[in-house]
Amino acid sequence: MLLHSAILFTLAARAVAGASGSSNTSPSSPSTTSSASNSSSSGSSSTGSPSSTDCSTWSKVASDLSSTFQGCGPAARGAIRAPFHDCINNGCDGSLILGSECSRSENAGLPPTCTLLAAKAKQYNVGTADMIQFAAAVAIAVCPLGPRVRALVGRTDSSTPAAEGLVPSTKDPIAQILRQFAAVGMSAADVVALVGSHTVATQSFDDPSQAGKALDSTPSRWDVKFYSETKAGTAPYSFSSDRRMTNDSSTEGSWDRFARSQHAWAVAFTSAWDRFVVVGNDVGKLKDCSSSLPGSSKRRAEGMGSPMGDGAFH
């Protein structure tokens, strides 16, 4: 979903047709292959350093970024938004930063995040693709009520930029948005769950005349007010795509369910996120450093122990 400035990700993303490379496999279901491929697995690419799979290193990263993201403000919002822009085209390969995609208009508002994460990847000698995903996991955990998503590391970095124009706008038809996410293995319920990350979002580029407006009344809390306020028309600002999802036949049921239950949304969001942020990667080759995340000693997000992709969405 196309994110504008500190807003999370605006829905949708065109999967690159005919992409080739390693398959995306669910961590809990190694034999399951996603429909998305990593087209950057050949050509100009580089692999993150061995330290990128050292969980003690990632614990230091988590401690560092937790301070940066305290308050669930602009820095956290940018970090949560970044994976959508990195993963939706060529897969989660770090090309958002390494391929200079961050300077494109479709990624407006992300340059400060890209600069921060590039510097952190260099500072800790870890992969850029991993840093993008791990930073988002930290930001989600730091935001009040945020779930603990899975933090897998060991992705292959690529400096090959994805084709431009693959991140659509908030004006796209809902059917098109759902088709685009279906191409990377996301169901309609998954998309509704992921779009809930707008609960900690603000917008700057969807309507510049209203720059800075939040998408719900509590932009520093990971709560379900986004769903109820968007549907009621009481949110400070709403994207057209979000408003239309509230009453589209494919998405309305999930929207209403999440509006009623923080627990239901947490389960659905965690499952969808965990599958989305490994698009284009061989999950069997990744290492789980979730224990490095803030609050990892507590019970993780509802449903975290369930197999990814099970019936949590229906």
Protein backbone atom coordinates (compact mmCIF):
# COMPACT_ATOMS: atom_id res chain seq x y z
CA MET A 1 0.00 0.00 0.00
CA LEU A 2 1.36 3.19 -0.97
CA LEU A 3 2.46 5.08 2.05
CA HIS A 4 2.60 8.77 2.04
CA SER A 5 5.20 10.34 4.31
CA ALA A 6 4.83 9.08 7.83
CA ILE A 7 1.71 7.21 6.91
CA LEU A 8 2.12 3.51 6.85
CA PHE A 9 1.67 1.73 3.67
CA THR A 10 -1.09 2.67 1.24
CA LEU A 11 -2.46 -0.51 0.00
CA ALA A 12 -1.40 -2.53 -2.77
CA ALA A 13 1.63 -3.20 -4.69
CA ARG A 14 2.15 -4.60 -8.01
CA ALA A 15 3.98 -7.88 -7.89
CA VAL A 16 6.62 -8.06 -10.60
CA ALA A 17 5.30 -10.38 -13.25
CA GLY A 18 7.69 -13.03 -14.36
CA ALA A 19 10.12 -12.41 -11.50
CA SER A 20 12.59 -15.22 -10.90
CA GLY A 21 14.62 -16.35 -7.93
CA SER A 22 14.20 -18.06 -4.58
CA SER A 23 10.76 -18.80 -3.25
CA ASN A 24 9.14 -17.39 -0.15
CA THR A 25 8.37 -20.11 2.37
CA SER A 26 6.43 -19.74 5.57
CA PRO A 27 8.64 -20.30 8.63
CA SER A 28 6.15 -22.67 10.14
CA SER A 29 5.34 -24.39 6.87
CA PRO A 30 8.65 -24.93 5.06
CA SER A 31 7.00 -26.75 2.19
CA THR A 32 4.66 -23.89 1.36
CA THR A 33 5.78 -21.60 -1.44
CA SER A 34 4.40 -18.12 -1.98
CA SER A 35 3.46 -16.82 -5.41
CA ALA A 36 6.05 -14.09 -5.09
CA SER A 37 9.62 -14.46 -6.30
CA ASN A 38 12.76 -12.45 -5.74
CA SER A 39 13.82 -11.11 -9.11
CA SER A 40 16.96 -9.69 -7.58
CA SER A 41 18.40 -13.06 -6.67
CA SER A 42 20.50 -12.90 -9.80
CA GLY A 43 22.49 -10.09 -11.28
CA SER A 44 23.72 -7.26 -9.09
CA SER A 45 23.30 -8.42 -5.53
CA SER A 46 25.34 -8.81 -2.40
CA THR A 47 24.86 -10.88 0.70
CA GLY A 48 24.78 -9.39 4.19
CA SER A 49 27.75 -10.03 6.44
CA PRO A 50 27.84 -13.10 8.72
CA SER A 51 27.02 -10.87 11.69
CA SER A 52 23.57 -10.34 10.20
CA THR A 53 22.52 -13.70 11.69
CA ASP A 54 24.15 -13.12 15.09
CA CYS A 55 21.23 -12.51 17.46
CA SER A 56 23.50 -10.85 20.02
CA THR A 57 24.20 -8.17 17.44
CA TRP A 58 20.50 -7.73 16.79
CA SER A 59 19.90 -7.33 20.52
CA LYS A 60 22.19 -4.32 20.41
CA VAL A 61 20.32 -2.98 17.39
CA ALA A 62 17.02 -3.41 19.25
CA SER A 63 18.28 -1.53 22.28
CA ASP A 64 19.53 1.30 20.07
CA LEU A 65 16.37 1.60 17.96
CA SER A 66 14.04 1.26 20.94
CA SER A 67 15.32 4.60 22.19
CA THR A 68 14.89 6.17 18.75
CA PHE A 69 11.33 4.89 18.40
CA GLN A 70 10.09 5.71 21.90
CA GLY A 71 6.79 7.56 21.79
CA CYS A 72 5.73 5.88 18.54
CA GLY A 73 6.41 9.11 16.67
CA PRO A 74 7.63 9.92 13.14
CA ALA A 75 10.77 7.76 13.33
CA ALA A 76 8.74 4.69 14.33
CA ARG A 77 6.11 5.40 11.68
CA GLY A 78 8.72 5.63 8.96
CA ALA A 79 10.30 2.37 10.07
CA ILE A 80 6.93 0.57 9.99
CA ARG A 81 6.21 1.94 6.54
CA ALA A 82 9.55 1.01 4.95
CA PRO A 83 9.07 -2.78 4.58
CA PHE A 84 5.98 -2.31 2.43
CA HIS A 85 7.98 -0.28 -0.05
CA ASP A 86 10.94 -2.66 -0.02
CA CYS A 87 9.03 -5.95 -0.28
CA ILE A 88 6.12 -5.31 -2.62
CA ASN A 89 8.05 -5.25 -5.88
CA ASN A 90 11.28 -7.29 -5.99
CA GLY A 91 10.78 -8.93 -2.62
CA CYS A 92 12.40 -8.00 0.69
CA ASP A 93 15.93 -7.38 -0.56
CA GLY A 94 16.99 -3.96 0.70
CA SER A 95 16.79 -2.37 -2.75
CA LEU A 96 14.64 0.41 -1.29
CA ILE A 97 17.93 1.72 0.12
CA LEU A 98 20.65 -0.06 -1.85
CA GLY A 99 18.97 0.51 -5.21
CA SER A 100 18.25 4.20 -4.46
CA GLU A 101 14.50 3.64 -4.76
CA CYS A 102 13.96 5.83 -1.71
CA SER A 103 14.37 9.00 -3.76
CA ARG A 104 11.39 8.20 -5.98
CA SER A 105 8.13 10.12 -5.67
CA GLU A 106 6.26 6.89 -4.85
CA ASN A 107 8.41 6.70 -1.71
CA ALA A 108 7.91 10.33 -0.73
CA GLY A 109 8.64 10.94 2.94
CA LEU A 110 10.86 7.89 3.37
CA PRO A 111 14.34 9.39 2.72
CA PRO A 112 14.96 10.20 6.42
CA THR A 113 14.06 6.60 7.33
CA CYS A 114 16.29 5.23 4.58
CA THR A 115 19.18 7.40 5.76
CA LEU A 116 18.74 6.22 9.36
CA LEU A 117 18.49 2.54 8.51
CA ALA A 118 21.37 2.62 6.05
CA ALA A 119 23.57 4.15 8.76
CA LYS A 120 22.46 1.55 11.32
CA ALA A 121 23.15 -1.32 8.94
CA LYS A 122 26.66 0.01 8.40
CA GLN A 123 27.20 0.71 12.11
CA TYR A 124 26.31 -2.84 13.15
CA ASN A 125 27.70 -4.53 10.03
CA VAL A 126 24.42 -6.26 9.17
CA GLY A 127 22.33 -6.69 6.05
CA THR A 128 20.24 -3.76 4.83
CA ALA A 129 17.18 -5.88 3.99
CA ASP A 130 17.30 -7.34 7.49
CA MET A 131 17.69 -3.89 9.04
CA ILE A 132 14.57 -2.64 7.24
CA GLN A 133 12.46 -5.53 8.55
CA PHE A 134 13.99 -5.68 12.03
CA ALA A 135 13.62 -1.94 12.60
CA ALA A 136 9.93 -2.19 11.76
CA ALA A 137 9.52 -5.08 14.21
CA VAL A 138 11.16 -2.98 16.92
CA ALA A 139 8.95 0.01 16.12
CA ILE A 140 5.78 -2.09 16.27
CA ALA A 141 6.84 -3.55 19.62
CA VAL A 142 7.66 -0.11 21.02
CA CYS A 143 4.32 1.44 20.05
CA PRO A 144 1.83 1.01 22.93
CA LEU A 145 -0.30 -2.12 22.39
CA GLY A 146 1.89 -3.16 19.47
CA PRO A 147 2.29 -6.94 18.97
CA ARG A 148 5.59 -8.81 18.86
CA VAL A 149 6.00 -9.89 15.26
CA ARG A 150 8.60 -12.42 14.17
CA ALA A 151 12.13 -11.11 13.44
CA LEU A 152 13.92 -13.37 10.95
CA VAL A 153 17.35 -12.37 9.65
CA GLY A 154 19.68 -13.54 6.92
CA ARG A 155 18.05 -12.06 3.80
CA THR A 156 20.14 -11.49 0.69
CA ASP A 157 20.72 -7.81 -0.08
CA SER A 158 20.39 -6.46 -3.61
CA SER A 159 21.42 -3.16 -5.16
CA THR A 160 19.28 -3.86 -8.24
CA PRO A 161 16.39 -1.38 -8.14
CA ALA A 162 12.85 -2.57 -8.73
CA ALA A 163 11.02 -1.14 -11.71
CA GLU A 164 9.57 2.27 -10.97
CA GLY A 165 5.84 2.82 -10.65
CA LEU A 166 4.99 -0.43 -8.90
CA VAL A 167 3.62 1.19 -5.73
CA PRO A 168 0.06 2.34 -6.46
CA SER A 169 -1.82 5.26 -5.05
CA THR A 170 -4.67 5.40 -2.57
CA LYS A 171 -7.05 6.03 -5.47
CA ASP A 172 -6.74 2.51 -6.90
CA PRO A 173 -9.85 0.27 -7.00
CA ILE A 174 -10.11 -2.17 -4.10
CA ALA A 175 -10.28 -5.14 -6.48
CA GLN A 176 -6.96 -4.08 -8.00
CA ILE A 177 -5.36 -3.66 -4.60
CA LEU A 178 -6.50 -7.12 -3.54
CA ARG A 179 -5.21 -8.70 -6.75
CA GLN A 180 -1.82 -7.11 -6.23
CA PHE A 181 -1.51 -8.43 -2.71
CA ALA A 182 -2.88 -11.83 -3.72
CA ALA A 183 0.09 -12.04 -6.09
CA VAL A 184 2.41 -12.08 -3.06
CA GLY A 185 0.28 -14.51 -1.08
CA MET A 186 -1.94 -12.13 0.88
CA SER A 187 -5.68 -12.74 1.28
CA ALA A 188 -8.28 -9.97 1.48
CA ALA A 189 -8.37 -10.41 5.27
CA ASP A 190 -4.57 -10.14 5.36
CA VAL A 191 -4.73 -6.84 3.49
CA VAL A 192 -7.33 -5.42 5.88
CA ALA A 193 -5.19 -6.52 8.83
CA LEU A 194 -2.03 -4.96 7.40
CA VAL A 195 -3.76 -1.71 6.55
CA GLY A 196 -4.59 -1.41 10.23
CA SER A 197 -1.01 -0.22 10.71
CA HIS A 198 -2.42 3.12 9.66
CA THR A 199 -3.50 3.40 13.28
CA VAL A 200 -0.12 5.00 14.01
CA ALA A 201 0.06 6.92 10.74
CA THR A 202 -0.10 10.50 9.62
CA GLN A 203 -0.30 11.75 6.06
CA SER A 204 1.70 14.40 4.25
CA PHE A 205 1.40 13.74 0.51
CA ASP A 206 -2.08 12.34 -0.10
CA ASP A 207 -3.40 15.87 0.49
CA PRO A 208 -0.57 18.37 1.12
CA SER A 209 -3.08 20.97 2.28
CA GLN A 210 -3.79 18.74 5.29
CA ALA A 211 -0.24 17.54 5.88
CA GLY A 212 0.40 16.15 9.34
CA LYS A 213 -3.11 14.90 10.01
CA ALA A 214 -3.39 11.51 11.67
CA LEU A 215 -5.49 8.62 10.38
CA ASP A 216 -7.17 8.12 13.73
CA SER A 217 -7.50 10.05 16.97
CA THR A 218 -4.73 8.10 18.77
CA PRO A 219 -1.74 8.02 16.37
CA SER A 220 0.69 7.04 19.11
CA ARG A 221 -1.23 3.90 20.11
CA TRP A 222 -1.51 0.63 18.21
CA ASP A 223 -5.26 0.33 18.72
CA VAL A 224 -8.36 -0.41 16.65
CA LYS A 225 -9.76 3.12 16.61
CA PHE A 226 -8.47 3.43 13.06
CA TYR A 227 -11.04 0.88 11.91
CA SER A 228 -14.03 2.33 13.72
CA GLU A 229 -13.21 5.97 13.06
CA THR A 230 -12.48 5.43 9.37
CA LYS A 231 -15.82 3.70 8.89
CA ALA A 232 -17.70 6.31 10.92
CA GLY A 233 -16.02 9.17 9.07
CA THR A 234 -14.70 10.65 12.32
CA ALA A 235 -10.98 10.10 11.75
CA PRO A 236 -8.92 13.31 11.41
CA TYR A 237 -8.01 12.14 7.90
CA SER A 238 -8.73 9.04 5.83
CA PHE A 239 -7.32 7.72 2.57
CA SER A 240 -9.85 7.05 -0.16
CA SER A 241 -8.73 3.41 -0.33
CA ASP A 242 -9.29 2.98 3.41
CA ARG A 243 -12.76 4.51 3.27
CA ARG A 244 -13.75 2.27 0.37
CA MET A 245 -12.49 -0.83 2.17
CA THR A 246 -14.96 -0.19 4.99
CA ASN A 247 -17.90 -1.08 2.75
CA ASP A 248 -16.45 -3.21 -0.04
CA SER A 249 -17.96 -6.70 -0.09
CA SER A 250 -14.50 -8.32 -0.04
CA THR A 251 -13.19 -6.39 2.95
CA GLU A 252 -16.08 -5.06 5.04
CA GLY A 253 -16.48 -8.19 7.15
CA SER A 254 -12.84 -8.27 8.24
CA TRP A 255 -12.87 -4.51 8.76
CA ASP A 256 -15.83 -4.69 11.13
CA ARG A 257 -14.38 -7.68 12.99
CA PHE A 258 -11.09 -5.91 13.68
CA ALA A 259 -12.94 -2.75 14.74
CA ARG A 260 -14.61 -4.81 17.47
CA SER A 261 -11.59 -6.72 18.75
CA GLN A 262 -7.99 -5.74 19.46
CA HIS A 263 -7.23 -9.44 19.95
CA ALA A 264 -8.63 -10.49 16.57
CA TRP A 265 -6.65 -7.78 14.83
CA ALA A 266 -3.42 -8.65 16.66
CA VAL A 267 -3.70 -12.30 15.61
CA ALA A 268 -4.45 -11.44 11.99
CA PHE A 269 -1.88 -8.67 11.70
CA THR A 270 0.93 -10.76 13.18
CA SER A 271 0.29 -13.67 10.83
CA ALA A 272 0.00 -11.47 7.73
CA TRP A 273 3.07 -9.41 8.63
CA ASP A 274 5.24 -12.45 9.37
CA ARG A 275 4.48 -13.83 5.91
CA PHE A 276 4.77 -10.54 4.06
CA VAL A 277 8.22 -9.51 5.30
CA VAL A 278 9.89 -12.65 3.94
CA VAL A 279 8.54 -12.34 0.39
CA GLY A 280 11.21 -13.40 -2.09
CA ASN A 281 13.35 -15.19 0.49
CA ASP A 282 13.95 -18.83 1.40
CA VAL A 283 12.63 -18.85 4.95
CA GLY A 284 14.39 -22.11 5.68
CA LYS A 285 17.70 -20.28 5.41
CA LEU A 286 16.72 -17.44 7.75
CA LYS A 287 17.43 -17.31 11.49
CA ASP A 288 14.87 -16.35 14.12
CA CYS A 289 16.13 -13.51 16.31
CA SER A 290 12.71 -12.61 17.69
CA SER A 291 14.10 -12.99 21.21
CA SER A 292 16.09 -9.81 20.56
CA LEU A 293 12.96 -7.67 20.24
CA PRO A 294 11.76 -5.40 23.06
CA GLY A 295 9.48 -7.24 25.47
CA SER A 296 10.31 -10.62 23.95
CA SER A 297 10.36 -12.17 27.43
CA LYS A 298 6.63 -11.52 27.66
CA ARG A 299 3.98 -13.56 25.93
CA ARG A 300 4.24 -12.65 22.25
CA ALA A 301 1.41 -11.48 20.06
CA GLU A 302 -1.81 -13.42 20.30
CA GLY A 303 -1.64 -16.42 18.03
CA MET A 304 2.11 -16.16 17.54
CA GLY A 305 2.55 -19.81 18.30
CA SER A 306 0.01 -20.84 15.66
CA PRO A 307 1.19 -21.96 12.22
CA MET A 308 1.45 -18.97 9.94
CA GLY A 309 -1.39 -18.94 7.45
CA ASP A 310 -3.80 -21.07 9.45
CA GLY A 311 -7.44 -20.13 9.90
CA ALA A 312 -6.75 -17.04 12.01
CA PHE A 313 -8.44 -14.72 9.54
CA HIS A 314 -11.90 -16.21 9.32
